[in-house]
Amino acid sequence: MEKLPFFVYGTLRTGENNWERFLKGRTIEEIPAVLPNHRMFIDEFPFVTDAEDGSRINGNLVYPKPELYEAVTRDLDGLEQYDPTTDTGWYMRVVREAVIRDETGEPRKVRAWVYHGGADILNNLDEKNLEISGDWLVYLGRENG
């Protein structure tokens, strides 16, 4: 398996509850990032999928500590109920290009693992579940206040 950073967009974002449980103290870097050409759907939890309409998702690129990479990957796969041996689950771990800003402020593409919604989940979602902001934190702010 290629040791790429992870693009996280929901409960694994820096400071969120699953970040506390699975990533806090286990990364060397966490960078704000955007995942272009994706849409977010929410049904209790956020799910993303490819899109061709210019939609984008806001999140973070997280770089696990090298000595913890396999353990972090196992833990995240378990959280997302993804089985890499059968390539099935609530979520599917796929490689996509995220965009960050480098030290000069210029956009830079970075290949990253992303947990996409699995087919069984996405087949049960429709436009009413679409989060047009593409941002889990915006969604939480709207929902809570």
N, C-alpha and C. Protein backbone atom coordinates (compact mmCIF):
# COMPACT_ATOMS: atom_id res chain seq x y z
N MET A 1 0.83 -1.18 0.00
CA MET A 1 0.00 0.00 0.00
C MET A 1 0.88 1.25 0.00
N GLU A 2 0.53 2.18 -0.85
CA GLU A 2 1.26 3.44 -0.94
C GLU A 2 1.03 4.28 0.32
N LYS A 3 2.09 4.85 0.87
CA LYS A 3 1.99 5.64 2.10
C LYS A 3 1.72 7.10 1.76
N LEU A 4 0.47 7.38 1.51
CA LEU A 4 0.02 8.73 1.17
C LEU A 4 -0.59 9.38 2.40
N PRO A 5 -0.69 10.72 2.40
CA PRO A 5 -1.46 11.36 3.46
C PRO A 5 -2.94 11.02 3.27
N PHE A 6 -3.73 11.33 4.27
CA PHE A 6 -5.18 11.12 4.21
C PHE A 6 -5.87 12.47 4.11
N PHE A 7 -6.83 12.59 3.18
CA PHE A 7 -7.68 13.77 3.16
C PHE A 7 -8.89 13.43 4.02
N VAL A 8 -9.09 14.19 5.10
CA VAL A 8 -10.23 13.97 6.00
C VAL A 8 -11.16 15.17 5.93
N TYR A 9 -12.45 14.90 6.03
CA TYR A 9 -13.43 15.95 5.77
C TYR A 9 -14.58 16.00 6.77
N GLY A 10 -14.64 15.08 7.70
CA GLY A 10 -15.77 15.03 8.63
C GLY A 10 -15.30 14.95 10.06
N THR A 11 -15.68 13.87 10.74
CA THR A 11 -15.37 13.72 12.16
C THR A 11 -13.89 13.49 12.43
N LEU A 12 -13.09 13.30 11.39
CA LEU A 12 -11.63 13.14 11.55
C LEU A 12 -10.88 14.46 11.36
N ARG A 13 -11.59 15.55 11.05
CA ARG A 13 -10.91 16.84 10.90
C ARG A 13 -10.32 17.27 12.23
N THR A 14 -9.26 18.04 12.15
CA THR A 14 -8.54 18.50 13.33
C THR A 14 -9.50 19.10 14.35
N GLY A 15 -9.46 18.54 15.57
CA GLY A 15 -10.28 19.02 16.66
C GLY A 15 -11.62 18.33 16.81
N GLU A 16 -12.04 17.59 15.81
CA GLU A 16 -13.33 16.89 15.88
C GLU A 16 -13.20 15.62 16.72
N ASN A 17 -14.35 15.02 17.08
CA ASN A 17 -14.34 13.91 18.04
C ASN A 17 -13.51 12.71 17.59
N ASN A 18 -13.60 12.29 16.34
CA ASN A 18 -12.80 11.14 15.91
C ASN A 18 -11.34 11.49 15.67
N TRP A 19 -11.04 12.76 15.43
CA TRP A 19 -9.64 13.19 15.39
C TRP A 19 -9.02 12.96 16.77
N GLU A 20 -9.77 13.34 17.82
CA GLU A 20 -9.29 13.13 19.19
C GLU A 20 -8.99 11.66 19.44
N ARG A 21 -9.85 10.78 18.96
CA ARG A 21 -9.73 9.34 19.22
C ARG A 21 -8.67 8.65 18.37
N PHE A 22 -8.53 9.07 17.10
CA PHE A 22 -7.72 8.30 16.15
C PHE A 22 -6.47 9.00 15.62
N LEU A 23 -6.41 10.33 15.68
CA LEU A 23 -5.29 11.04 15.05
C LEU A 23 -4.47 11.92 15.98
N LYS A 24 -5.06 12.40 17.04
CA LYS A 24 -4.36 13.32 17.94
C LYS A 24 -3.06 12.67 18.43
N GLY A 25 -1.94 13.38 18.22
CA GLY A 25 -0.64 12.89 18.64
C GLY A 25 -0.03 11.83 17.74
N ARG A 26 -0.72 11.49 16.64
CA ARG A 26 -0.25 10.42 15.76
C ARG A 26 0.12 10.93 14.37
N THR A 27 0.14 12.25 14.19
CA THR A 27 0.47 12.83 12.89
C THR A 27 1.69 13.74 13.02
N ILE A 28 2.35 13.95 11.86
CA ILE A 28 3.46 14.90 11.85
C ILE A 28 3.03 16.24 11.28
N GLU A 29 1.90 16.23 10.56
CA GLU A 29 1.42 17.47 9.95
C GLU A 29 -0.05 17.33 9.59
N GLU A 30 -0.78 18.43 9.75
CA GLU A 30 -2.19 18.51 9.35
C GLU A 30 -2.37 19.86 8.66
N ILE A 31 -2.79 19.82 7.40
CA ILE A 31 -2.82 21.02 6.57
C ILE A 31 -4.22 21.22 6.01
N PRO A 32 -4.76 22.44 6.07
CA PRO A 32 -6.04 22.68 5.40
C PRO A 32 -5.91 22.36 3.91
N ALA A 33 -6.94 21.74 3.36
CA ALA A 33 -6.90 21.31 1.96
C ALA A 33 -8.30 21.31 1.37
N VAL A 34 -8.34 21.22 0.06
CA VAL A 34 -9.60 21.15 -0.69
C VAL A 34 -9.54 19.91 -1.57
N LEU A 35 -10.67 19.25 -1.71
CA LEU A 35 -10.79 18.09 -2.59
C LEU A 35 -11.69 18.50 -3.75
N PRO A 36 -11.11 18.84 -4.91
CA PRO A 36 -11.93 19.30 -6.03
C PRO A 36 -12.72 18.16 -6.67
N ASN A 37 -13.78 18.55 -7.36
CA ASN A 37 -14.61 17.61 -8.13
C ASN A 37 -15.20 16.50 -7.27
N HIS A 38 -15.71 16.89 -6.12
CA HIS A 38 -16.38 15.98 -5.20
C HIS A 38 -17.62 16.65 -4.62
N ARG A 39 -18.58 15.82 -4.23
CA ARG A 39 -19.79 16.29 -3.56
C ARG A 39 -19.90 15.60 -2.21
N MET A 40 -20.52 16.31 -1.25
CA MET A 40 -20.73 15.76 0.08
C MET A 40 -22.21 15.50 0.30
N PHE A 41 -22.48 14.32 0.82
CA PHE A 41 -23.83 13.94 1.24
C PHE A 41 -23.77 13.64 2.73
N ILE A 42 -24.85 13.96 3.44
CA ILE A 42 -24.87 13.73 4.88
C ILE A 42 -26.14 12.96 5.25
N ASP A 43 -25.93 11.87 5.97
CA ASP A 43 -27.02 11.10 6.57
C ASP A 43 -26.49 10.65 7.93
N GLU A 44 -26.52 11.53 8.87
CA GLU A 44 -25.90 11.41 10.19
C GLU A 44 -24.40 11.66 10.10
N PHE A 45 -23.72 11.01 9.17
CA PHE A 45 -22.30 11.23 8.94
C PHE A 45 -22.09 11.70 7.51
N PRO A 46 -20.96 12.38 7.24
CA PRO A 46 -20.71 12.83 5.87
C PRO A 46 -20.11 11.72 5.00
N PHE A 47 -20.49 11.75 3.74
CA PHE A 47 -19.95 10.85 2.72
C PHE A 47 -19.59 11.71 1.52
N VAL A 48 -18.50 11.40 0.83
CA VAL A 48 -18.18 12.12 -0.39
C VAL A 48 -18.09 11.15 -1.55
N THR A 49 -18.27 11.71 -2.74
CA THR A 49 -18.16 10.94 -3.96
C THR A 49 -17.67 11.86 -5.07
N ASP A 50 -17.16 11.28 -6.14
CA ASP A 50 -16.71 12.07 -7.28
C ASP A 50 -17.86 12.87 -7.86
N ALA A 51 -17.54 14.03 -8.42
CA ALA A 51 -18.53 14.87 -9.09
C ALA A 51 -17.86 15.57 -10.26
N GLU A 52 -18.64 15.92 -11.24
CA GLU A 52 -18.11 16.63 -12.41
C GLU A 52 -18.68 18.04 -12.52
N ASP A 53 -19.30 18.52 -11.45
CA ASP A 53 -19.97 19.82 -11.51
C ASP A 53 -19.16 20.95 -10.89
N GLY A 54 -17.89 20.70 -10.58
CA GLY A 54 -17.05 21.74 -10.00
C GLY A 54 -17.16 21.85 -8.49
N SER A 55 -17.98 20.99 -7.86
CA SER A 55 -18.11 21.01 -6.40
C SER A 55 -16.78 20.64 -5.76
N ARG A 56 -16.60 21.09 -4.52
CA ARG A 56 -15.37 20.77 -3.81
C ARG A 56 -15.67 20.57 -2.33
N ILE A 57 -14.77 19.86 -1.68
CA ILE A 57 -14.91 19.54 -0.26
C ILE A 57 -13.78 20.20 0.50
N ASN A 58 -14.11 20.83 1.62
CA ASN A 58 -13.09 21.40 2.50
C ASN A 58 -12.72 20.38 3.56
N GLY A 59 -11.43 20.31 3.87
CA GLY A 59 -10.98 19.36 4.89
C GLY A 59 -9.53 19.60 5.25
N ASN A 60 -8.86 18.52 5.64
CA ASN A 60 -7.46 18.59 6.02
C ASN A 60 -6.70 17.42 5.43
N LEU A 61 -5.46 17.67 5.06
CA LEU A 61 -4.54 16.58 4.74
C LEU A 61 -3.82 16.24 6.03
N VAL A 62 -3.85 14.97 6.41
CA VAL A 62 -3.15 14.55 7.62
C VAL A 62 -2.06 13.56 7.23
N TYR A 63 -0.90 13.78 7.78
CA TYR A 63 0.28 12.94 7.52
C TYR A 63 0.59 12.15 8.79
N PRO A 64 0.25 10.86 8.83
CA PRO A 64 0.58 10.06 10.02
C PRO A 64 2.09 9.98 10.23
N LYS A 65 2.48 9.84 11.49
CA LYS A 65 3.89 9.60 11.79
C LYS A 65 4.31 8.31 11.10
N PRO A 66 5.49 8.30 10.46
CA PRO A 66 5.91 7.10 9.70
C PRO A 66 5.85 5.81 10.51
N GLU A 67 6.28 5.87 11.76
CA GLU A 67 6.29 4.65 12.57
C GLU A 67 4.89 4.19 12.98
N LEU A 68 3.89 5.05 12.79
CA LEU A 68 2.51 4.72 13.14
C LEU A 68 1.61 4.55 11.92
N TYR A 69 2.19 4.67 10.73
CA TYR A 69 1.36 4.71 9.51
C TYR A 69 0.44 3.49 9.40
N GLU A 70 0.97 2.29 9.54
CA GLU A 70 0.14 1.08 9.39
C GLU A 70 -0.94 1.03 10.46
N ALA A 71 -0.60 1.38 11.70
CA ALA A 71 -1.58 1.35 12.79
C ALA A 71 -2.68 2.39 12.55
N VAL A 72 -2.30 3.59 12.13
CA VAL A 72 -3.30 4.63 11.84
C VAL A 72 -4.20 4.18 10.71
N THR A 73 -3.62 3.62 9.66
CA THR A 73 -4.42 3.14 8.52
C THR A 73 -5.40 2.07 8.97
N ARG A 74 -4.94 1.11 9.76
CA ARG A 74 -5.83 0.06 10.27
C ARG A 74 -6.98 0.65 11.09
N ASP A 75 -6.63 1.62 11.96
CA ASP A 75 -7.65 2.24 12.80
C ASP A 75 -8.67 3.02 11.98
N LEU A 76 -8.19 3.77 10.98
CA LEU A 76 -9.11 4.53 10.14
C LEU A 76 -9.97 3.60 9.30
N ASP A 77 -9.38 2.55 8.74
CA ASP A 77 -10.17 1.57 7.99
C ASP A 77 -11.25 0.97 8.88
N GLY A 78 -10.90 0.67 10.13
CA GLY A 78 -11.88 0.11 11.06
C GLY A 78 -12.99 1.09 11.37
N LEU A 79 -12.63 2.34 11.63
CA LEU A 79 -13.64 3.37 11.89
C LEU A 79 -14.60 3.49 10.73
N GLU A 80 -14.07 3.51 9.52
CA GLU A 80 -14.89 3.71 8.33
C GLU A 80 -15.50 2.40 7.81
N GLN A 81 -15.28 1.32 8.54
CA GLN A 81 -15.81 0.00 8.19
C GLN A 81 -15.42 -0.40 6.76
N TYR A 82 -14.17 -0.09 6.43
CA TYR A 82 -13.63 -0.44 5.12
C TYR A 82 -12.77 -1.69 5.25
N ASP A 83 -13.02 -2.67 4.39
CA ASP A 83 -12.24 -3.91 4.39
C ASP A 83 -11.34 -3.91 3.16
N PRO A 84 -10.03 -3.65 3.35
CA PRO A 84 -9.14 -3.60 2.18
C PRO A 84 -8.95 -4.95 1.49
N THR A 85 -9.27 -6.05 2.17
CA THR A 85 -9.12 -7.36 1.54
C THR A 85 -10.24 -7.65 0.54
N THR A 86 -11.40 -7.04 0.76
CA THR A 86 -12.53 -7.25 -0.17
C THR A 86 -12.92 -5.98 -0.89
N ASP A 87 -12.30 -4.84 -0.49
CA ASP A 87 -12.62 -3.54 -1.08
C ASP A 87 -14.10 -3.22 -0.93
N THR A 88 -14.65 -3.50 0.25
CA THR A 88 -16.06 -3.22 0.53
C THR A 88 -16.18 -2.50 1.86
N GLY A 89 -17.34 -1.90 2.11
CA GLY A 89 -17.63 -1.28 3.39
C GLY A 89 -18.50 -0.06 3.25
N TRP A 90 -18.77 0.57 4.40
CA TRP A 90 -19.52 1.82 4.39
C TRP A 90 -18.80 2.85 3.54
N TYR A 91 -17.48 2.85 3.68
CA TYR A 91 -16.63 3.76 2.93
C TYR A 91 -15.64 2.92 2.13
N MET A 92 -15.14 3.52 1.06
CA MET A 92 -14.10 2.90 0.24
C MET A 92 -12.87 3.82 0.29
N ARG A 93 -11.69 3.27 0.53
CA ARG A 93 -10.48 4.09 0.54
C ARG A 93 -9.93 4.15 -0.88
N VAL A 94 -9.92 5.37 -1.44
CA VAL A 94 -9.48 5.58 -2.82
C VAL A 94 -8.43 6.68 -2.86
N VAL A 95 -7.66 6.73 -3.94
CA VAL A 95 -6.65 7.77 -4.13
C VAL A 95 -7.24 8.87 -5.00
N ARG A 96 -7.11 10.11 -4.53
CA ARG A 96 -7.55 11.28 -5.29
C ARG A 96 -6.53 12.39 -5.07
N GLU A 97 -6.65 13.47 -5.84
CA GLU A 97 -5.76 14.62 -5.68
C GLU A 97 -6.46 15.71 -4.88
N ALA A 98 -5.85 16.06 -3.75
CA ALA A 98 -6.29 17.19 -2.96
C ALA A 98 -5.41 18.38 -3.32
N VAL A 99 -5.85 19.56 -2.93
CA VAL A 99 -5.09 20.78 -3.23
C VAL A 99 -4.80 21.51 -1.92
N ILE A 100 -3.53 21.84 -1.72
CA ILE A 100 -3.11 22.65 -0.58
C ILE A 100 -2.46 23.91 -1.12
N ARG A 101 -2.18 24.83 -0.22
CA ARG A 101 -1.39 26.02 -0.56
C ARG A 101 0.01 25.80 -0.04
N ASP A 102 1.01 25.95 -0.92
CA ASP A 102 2.39 25.77 -0.46
C ASP A 102 2.84 27.01 0.31
N GLU A 103 4.10 27.02 0.73
CA GLU A 103 4.61 28.11 1.56
C GLU A 103 4.57 29.47 0.86
N THR A 104 4.48 29.48 -0.48
CA THR A 104 4.38 30.75 -1.21
C THR A 104 2.93 31.13 -1.47
N GLY A 105 2.00 30.28 -1.05
CA GLY A 105 0.58 30.56 -1.27
C GLY A 105 0.04 30.00 -2.57
N GLU A 106 0.90 29.34 -3.33
CA GLU A 106 0.47 28.76 -4.60
C GLU A 106 -0.21 27.41 -4.37
N PRO A 107 -1.25 27.11 -5.17
CA PRO A 107 -1.90 25.80 -5.02
C PRO A 107 -0.98 24.68 -5.49
N ARG A 108 -1.04 23.56 -4.75
CA ARG A 108 -0.24 22.39 -5.10
C ARG A 108 -1.09 21.14 -4.92
N LYS A 109 -1.09 20.28 -5.94
CA LYS A 109 -1.84 19.03 -5.87
C LYS A 109 -1.05 17.99 -5.10
N VAL A 110 -1.77 17.23 -4.27
CA VAL A 110 -1.16 16.18 -3.47
C VAL A 110 -2.04 14.93 -3.56
N ARG A 111 -1.43 13.82 -3.95
CA ARG A 111 -2.18 12.55 -3.96
C ARG A 111 -2.43 12.12 -2.52
N ALA A 112 -3.66 11.70 -2.26
CA ALA A 112 -4.03 11.34 -0.88
C ALA A 112 -5.08 10.24 -0.87
N TRP A 113 -5.11 9.51 0.23
CA TRP A 113 -6.20 8.58 0.46
C TRP A 113 -7.43 9.37 0.89
N VAL A 114 -8.58 8.98 0.36
CA VAL A 114 -9.86 9.59 0.71
C VAL A 114 -10.86 8.47 0.96
N TYR A 115 -11.65 8.61 2.00
CA TYR A 115 -12.72 7.64 2.23
C TYR A 115 -13.98 8.14 1.53
N HIS A 116 -14.29 7.48 0.41
CA HIS A 116 -15.52 7.76 -0.35
C HIS A 116 -16.66 6.95 0.25
N GLY A 117 -17.87 7.45 0.10
CA GLY A 117 -19.03 6.66 0.50
C GLY A 117 -19.10 5.39 -0.33
N GLY A 118 -19.40 4.27 0.32
CA GLY A 118 -19.56 3.00 -0.38
C GLY A 118 -20.86 2.96 -1.15
N ALA A 119 -20.95 2.07 -2.11
CA ALA A 119 -22.13 1.99 -2.99
C ALA A 119 -23.42 1.79 -2.21
N ASP A 120 -23.43 0.93 -1.20
CA ASP A 120 -24.66 0.69 -0.45
C ASP A 120 -25.16 1.96 0.23
N ILE A 121 -24.26 2.77 0.73
CA ILE A 121 -24.64 4.03 1.37
C ILE A 121 -25.12 5.03 0.33
N LEU A 122 -24.31 5.25 -0.70
CA LEU A 122 -24.64 6.28 -1.69
C LEU A 122 -25.93 5.97 -2.44
N ASN A 123 -26.24 4.70 -2.62
CA ASN A 123 -27.48 4.33 -3.31
C ASN A 123 -28.72 4.72 -2.53
N ASN A 124 -28.57 4.97 -1.22
CA ASN A 124 -29.70 5.35 -0.38
C ASN A 124 -29.77 6.85 -0.11
N LEU A 125 -28.89 7.62 -0.73
CA LEU A 125 -28.88 9.07 -0.55
C LEU A 125 -29.35 9.74 -1.82
N ASP A 126 -29.92 10.94 -1.67
CA ASP A 126 -30.32 11.70 -2.84
C ASP A 126 -30.06 13.18 -2.60
N GLU A 127 -30.61 14.03 -3.43
CA GLU A 127 -30.31 15.47 -3.38
C GLU A 127 -30.66 16.09 -2.02
N LYS A 128 -31.65 15.53 -1.31
CA LYS A 128 -31.99 16.10 0.00
C LYS A 128 -30.85 15.92 1.01
N ASN A 129 -29.95 14.98 0.75
CA ASN A 129 -28.80 14.73 1.61
C ASN A 129 -27.56 15.51 1.19
N LEU A 130 -27.65 16.25 0.08
CA LEU A 130 -26.50 16.98 -0.44
C LEU A 130 -26.17 18.17 0.45
N GLU A 131 -24.91 18.31 0.83
CA GLU A 131 -24.44 19.47 1.58
C GLU A 131 -23.69 20.37 0.60
N ILE A 132 -24.39 21.43 0.15
CA ILE A 132 -23.84 22.23 -0.94
C ILE A 132 -22.58 23.00 -0.55
N SER A 133 -22.38 23.26 0.75
CA SER A 133 -21.16 23.97 1.16
C SER A 133 -19.93 23.09 0.99
N GLY A 134 -20.11 21.76 1.00
CA GLY A 134 -18.97 20.86 0.93
C GLY A 134 -18.10 20.90 2.18
N ASP A 135 -18.70 21.36 3.29
CA ASP A 135 -17.92 21.55 4.51
C ASP A 135 -18.69 21.04 5.72
N TRP A 136 -18.21 19.99 6.34
CA TRP A 136 -18.83 19.39 7.51
C TRP A 136 -18.97 20.41 8.64
N LEU A 137 -17.97 21.28 8.83
CA LEU A 137 -18.01 22.25 9.91
C LEU A 137 -19.08 23.31 9.65
N VAL A 138 -19.28 23.70 8.42
CA VAL A 138 -20.37 24.62 8.08
C VAL A 138 -21.70 23.94 8.38
N TYR A 139 -21.84 22.70 7.98
CA TYR A 139 -23.05 21.93 8.26
C TYR A 139 -23.33 21.89 9.76
N LEU A 140 -22.34 21.61 10.57
CA LEU A 140 -22.54 21.55 12.02
C LEU A 140 -22.96 22.90 12.57
N GLY A 141 -22.38 23.97 12.06
CA GLY A 141 -22.74 25.31 12.51
C GLY A 141 -24.18 25.65 12.19
N ARG A 142 -24.63 25.24 11.02
CA ARG A 142 -26.03 25.47 10.62
C ARG A 142 -26.96 24.64 11.48
N GLU A 143 -26.56 23.42 11.73
CA GLU A 143 -27.42 22.51 12.48
C GLU A 143 -27.51 22.88 13.96
N ASN A 144 -26.43 23.44 14.49
CA ASN A 144 -26.39 23.72 15.92
C ASN A 144 -26.68 25.18 16.27
N GLY A 145 -27.07 25.94 15.29
CA GLY A 145 -27.29 27.26 15.78
C GLY A 145 -27.60 28.32 14.88
